[in-house]
Amino acid sequence: MWRHPALALILIAYTAWGAWNWFIDRPVHPQDGVLAAAEPVQVDATDGEQTHLGRWTLTTRASYHITARILSLERYRFDRMADLIPEDLALGWGPMSDNRVISHMDIYQSDRFYFWHATRDTPISRDSIIVHSANTHVIPQDASIAKQLSRLRPGEVVTLSGNLVDAVRDDGARIKTSMVRTDTGAGACEVMLVREVELLP
């Protein structure tokens, strides 16, 4: 018998919360083969159009359209950007959407970064991994898009359309988008204002 009922309730709630999060984020297991063959389509902007979301001002850098497999996803509720960017998606296209490649890799996310480790048996090069995958900070345009993004699961193939943006908060905090797919490390993530979400069968 529990001597501290309040503690017991907290533990039960925490366990239930963890189980629910595992359930909604459980991966799907698609067939082998390249599931998202096309390269992302980016058209750089010249006007620097601005959009305001809460405390944030977004400046458009490019239109962006991508169809990719979700290699991993991480949801954020409490960090300094969570009010703007509730999810990060590690996305893979071309060979990085194929089970026969990614089954040889360890892929995970932490602290707004996407990490991968390739074994000796991985059938593509390091450079190919870099140019066919990216960590994308996704900003929902509105509540409807936020709901769609919150339902995505690892292994699914999704098409996202919107804009690459730089963002500045009213207290001076800022984040800048990558504009190329060849970079790595800090600053290499795409920051995307998502206007449309389409889940592929």
Protein backbone atom coordinates (compact mmCIF):
# COMPACT_ATOMS: atom_id res chain seq x y z
CA MET A 1 0.00 0.00 0.00
CA TRP A 2 1.31 3.44 -0.94
CA ARG A 3 2.18 5.66 2.02
CA HIS A 4 2.08 8.74 -0.21
CA PRO A 5 -1.05 8.68 -2.40
CA ALA A 6 -0.11 11.93 -4.11
CA LEU A 7 3.21 10.47 -5.22
CA ALA A 8 1.44 7.37 -6.50
CA LEU A 9 -0.92 9.50 -8.57
CA ILE A 10 1.99 11.45 -10.02
CA LEU A 11 3.80 8.25 -10.99
CA ILE A 12 0.66 6.79 -12.56
CA ALA A 13 0.01 9.99 -14.50
CA TYR A 14 3.63 10.16 -15.67
CA THR A 15 3.55 6.54 -16.81
CA ALA A 16 0.26 7.07 -18.64
CA TRP A 17 1.61 10.24 -20.28
CA GLY A 18 4.73 8.38 -21.45
CA ALA A 19 2.67 5.49 -22.81
CA TRP A 20 0.37 7.86 -24.68
CA ASN A 21 3.28 9.75 -26.23
CA TRP A 22 4.87 6.47 -27.32
CA PHE A 23 1.57 5.37 -28.85
CA ILE A 24 0.93 8.52 -30.89
CA ASP A 25 4.57 8.71 -32.06
CA ARG A 26 5.04 4.99 -32.75
CA PRO A 27 6.78 4.45 -36.09
CA VAL A 28 5.19 2.99 -39.19
CA HIS A 29 7.10 0.43 -41.24
CA PRO A 30 6.91 1.14 -44.97
CA GLN A 31 8.08 -1.16 -47.76
CA ASP A 32 11.63 -1.19 -49.11
CA GLY A 33 12.57 1.13 -51.93
CA VAL A 34 12.91 4.85 -52.50
CA LEU A 35 9.70 6.38 -51.17
CA ALA A 36 10.43 10.04 -51.90
CA ALA A 37 12.53 10.35 -55.04
CA ALA A 38 12.29 14.07 -55.80
CA GLU A 39 14.65 16.74 -54.49
CA PRO A 40 13.19 19.57 -52.41
CA VAL A 41 12.10 22.55 -54.51
CA GLN A 42 13.29 25.95 -53.31
CA VAL A 43 12.75 29.34 -54.94
CA ASP A 44 14.62 32.12 -53.19
CA ALA A 45 12.58 35.21 -52.30
CA THR A 46 13.56 38.75 -53.18
CA ASP A 47 11.01 40.79 -51.22
CA GLY A 48 11.57 39.54 -47.64
CA GLU A 49 7.83 39.39 -46.86
CA GLN A 50 7.13 39.40 -43.12
CA THR A 51 4.59 37.40 -41.12
CA HIS A 52 3.75 37.88 -37.45
CA LEU A 53 2.97 34.90 -35.20
CA GLY A 54 2.53 35.79 -31.54
CA ARG A 55 5.75 37.37 -30.31
CA TRP A 56 7.63 36.36 -33.44
CA THR A 57 8.29 38.16 -36.73
CA LEU A 58 9.09 35.82 -39.62
CA THR A 59 10.95 37.01 -42.71
CA THR A 60 10.52 34.89 -45.84
CA ARG A 61 13.77 33.72 -47.44
CA ALA A 62 12.36 31.26 -49.98
CA SER A 63 9.33 29.22 -50.97
CA TYR A 64 9.93 25.57 -50.14
CA HIS A 65 8.26 22.31 -51.12
CA ILE A 66 9.49 18.93 -49.94
CA THR A 67 8.29 15.34 -50.06
CA ALA A 68 10.25 13.17 -47.65
CA ARG A 69 10.20 10.25 -45.29
CA ILE A 70 10.12 11.15 -41.61
CA LEU A 71 13.29 9.58 -40.23
CA SER A 72 12.70 10.86 -36.72
CA LEU A 73 10.65 13.50 -34.96
CA GLU A 74 10.99 15.34 -31.69
CA ARG A 75 8.31 17.39 -30.00
CA TYR A 76 9.17 20.34 -27.78
CA ARG A 77 6.90 21.89 -25.16
CA PHE A 78 9.17 23.79 -22.80
CA ASP A 79 12.28 25.09 -24.57
CA ARG A 80 12.72 28.72 -25.62
CA MET A 81 11.34 28.15 -29.14
CA ALA A 82 8.49 25.77 -28.34
CA ASP A 83 5.82 28.44 -28.74
CA LEU A 84 6.91 28.92 -32.36
CA ILE A 85 8.36 25.52 -33.29
CA PRO A 86 6.57 22.65 -31.53
CA GLU A 87 8.18 19.90 -33.65
CA ASP A 88 11.42 19.14 -35.41
CA LEU A 89 11.31 16.64 -38.27
CA ALA A 90 14.38 14.78 -39.50
CA LEU A 91 13.49 14.26 -43.15
CA GLY A 92 15.04 11.99 -45.76
CA TRP A 93 14.54 11.81 -49.51
CA GLY A 94 16.14 9.89 -52.38
CA PRO A 95 18.26 7.08 -50.92
CA MET A 96 17.55 8.36 -47.41
CA SER A 97 13.91 7.36 -47.81
CA ASP A 98 14.82 3.70 -48.45
CA ASN A 99 14.75 1.06 -45.69
CA ARG A 100 17.73 -0.64 -47.32
CA VAL A 101 19.84 2.41 -46.49
CA ILE A 102 18.50 3.65 -43.19
CA SER A 103 18.32 0.16 -41.65
CA HIS A 104 22.13 0.41 -41.47
CA MET A 105 22.01 3.69 -39.56
CA ASP A 106 21.29 4.98 -36.07
CA ILE A 107 19.19 8.16 -36.26
CA TYR A 108 18.01 10.32 -33.38
CA GLN A 109 17.30 13.91 -32.34
CA SER A 110 18.18 15.93 -29.25
CA ASP A 111 18.32 19.61 -28.28
CA ARG A 112 17.08 20.74 -31.71
CA PHE A 113 19.75 18.74 -33.58
CA TYR A 114 19.50 15.65 -35.81
CA PHE A 115 22.21 13.02 -35.39
CA TRP A 116 23.06 9.98 -37.45
CA HIS A 117 25.66 7.25 -37.32
CA ALA A 118 26.33 5.07 -40.36
CA THR A 119 27.73 1.57 -40.03
CA ARG A 120 30.35 0.16 -42.38
CA ASP A 121 27.58 -1.64 -44.25
CA THR A 122 25.65 1.56 -45.09
CA PRO A 123 25.39 1.48 -48.91
CA ILE A 124 25.72 5.24 -49.53
CA SER A 125 28.45 7.75 -48.71
CA ARG A 126 28.55 10.32 -45.94
CA ASP A 127 28.13 13.10 -48.51
CA SER A 128 25.04 11.42 -49.93
CA ILE A 129 23.53 11.13 -46.45
CA ILE A 130 24.14 14.85 -45.85
CA VAL A 131 22.56 16.05 -49.11
CA HIS A 132 19.55 13.72 -48.85
CA SER A 133 18.48 14.46 -45.29
CA ALA A 134 17.86 17.46 -43.09
CA ASN A 135 16.58 18.52 -39.71
CA THR A 136 13.61 20.82 -40.26
CA HIS A 137 12.16 23.10 -37.59
CA VAL A 138 8.47 23.23 -38.54
CA ILE A 139 6.34 26.26 -37.72
CA PRO A 140 2.59 25.68 -38.17
CA GLN A 141 0.84 28.51 -39.99
CA ASP A 142 -2.31 28.03 -37.92
CA ALA A 143 -4.09 25.65 -35.54
CA SER A 144 -5.21 23.35 -38.34
CA ILE A 145 -1.65 22.87 -39.60
CA ALA A 146 -0.44 22.43 -36.01
CA LYS A 147 -2.93 19.60 -35.54
CA GLN A 148 -1.79 17.87 -38.74
CA LEU A 149 1.88 18.16 -37.78
CA SER A 150 1.17 16.82 -34.30
CA ARG A 151 -0.21 13.60 -35.83
CA LEU A 152 2.85 12.77 -37.96
CA ARG A 153 4.79 9.59 -37.17
CA PRO A 154 8.28 8.32 -38.01
CA GLY A 155 8.30 6.26 -41.21
CA GLU A 156 5.49 8.20 -42.88
CA VAL A 157 6.03 10.03 -46.16
CA VAL A 158 4.79 13.60 -46.07
CA THR A 159 4.68 16.58 -48.42
CA LEU A 160 5.19 19.98 -46.78
CA SER A 161 4.70 23.27 -48.60
CA GLY A 162 5.46 26.73 -47.28
CA ASN A 163 8.39 29.06 -46.78
CA LEU A 164 11.89 29.01 -45.35
CA VAL A 165 12.05 31.85 -42.84
CA ASP A 166 14.25 33.68 -40.38
CA ALA A 167 12.49 34.45 -37.08
CA VAL A 168 13.01 37.16 -34.46
CA ARG A 169 11.14 37.36 -31.14
CA ASP A 170 10.25 40.67 -29.50
CA ASP A 171 12.93 40.11 -26.84
CA GLY A 172 15.68 39.70 -29.43
CA ALA A 173 15.83 35.88 -29.59
CA ARG A 174 16.31 34.74 -33.17
CA ILE A 175 16.77 31.75 -35.43
CA LYS A 176 17.92 31.67 -39.05
CA THR A 177 17.11 29.08 -41.68
CA SER A 178 19.61 27.16 -43.74
CA MET A 179 19.29 27.88 -47.44
CA VAL A 180 21.22 24.85 -48.74
CA ARG A 181 21.10 21.08 -48.25
CA THR A 182 24.86 20.59 -48.10
CA ASP A 183 25.63 22.09 -44.69
CA THR A 184 26.04 20.35 -41.33
CA GLY A 185 26.22 21.33 -37.67
CA ALA A 186 24.83 24.45 -36.00
CA GLY A 187 22.86 26.61 -38.42
CA ALA A 188 22.27 23.77 -40.87
CA CYS A 189 18.59 23.25 -40.05
CA GLU A 190 15.78 24.46 -42.25
CA VAL A 191 13.26 26.71 -40.48
CA MET A 192 9.99 26.21 -42.32
CA LEU A 193 6.67 28.00 -42.01
CA VAL A 194 4.35 25.17 -43.04
CA ARG A 195 1.26 26.20 -44.98
CA GLU A 196 0.17 22.78 -46.32
CA VAL A 197 0.61 19.21 -45.11
CA GLU A 198 -0.18 16.16 -47.23
CA LEU A 199 0.38 12.66 -45.94
CA LEU A 200 1.16 10.18 -48.72
CA PRO A 201 -0.34 6.67 -48.61
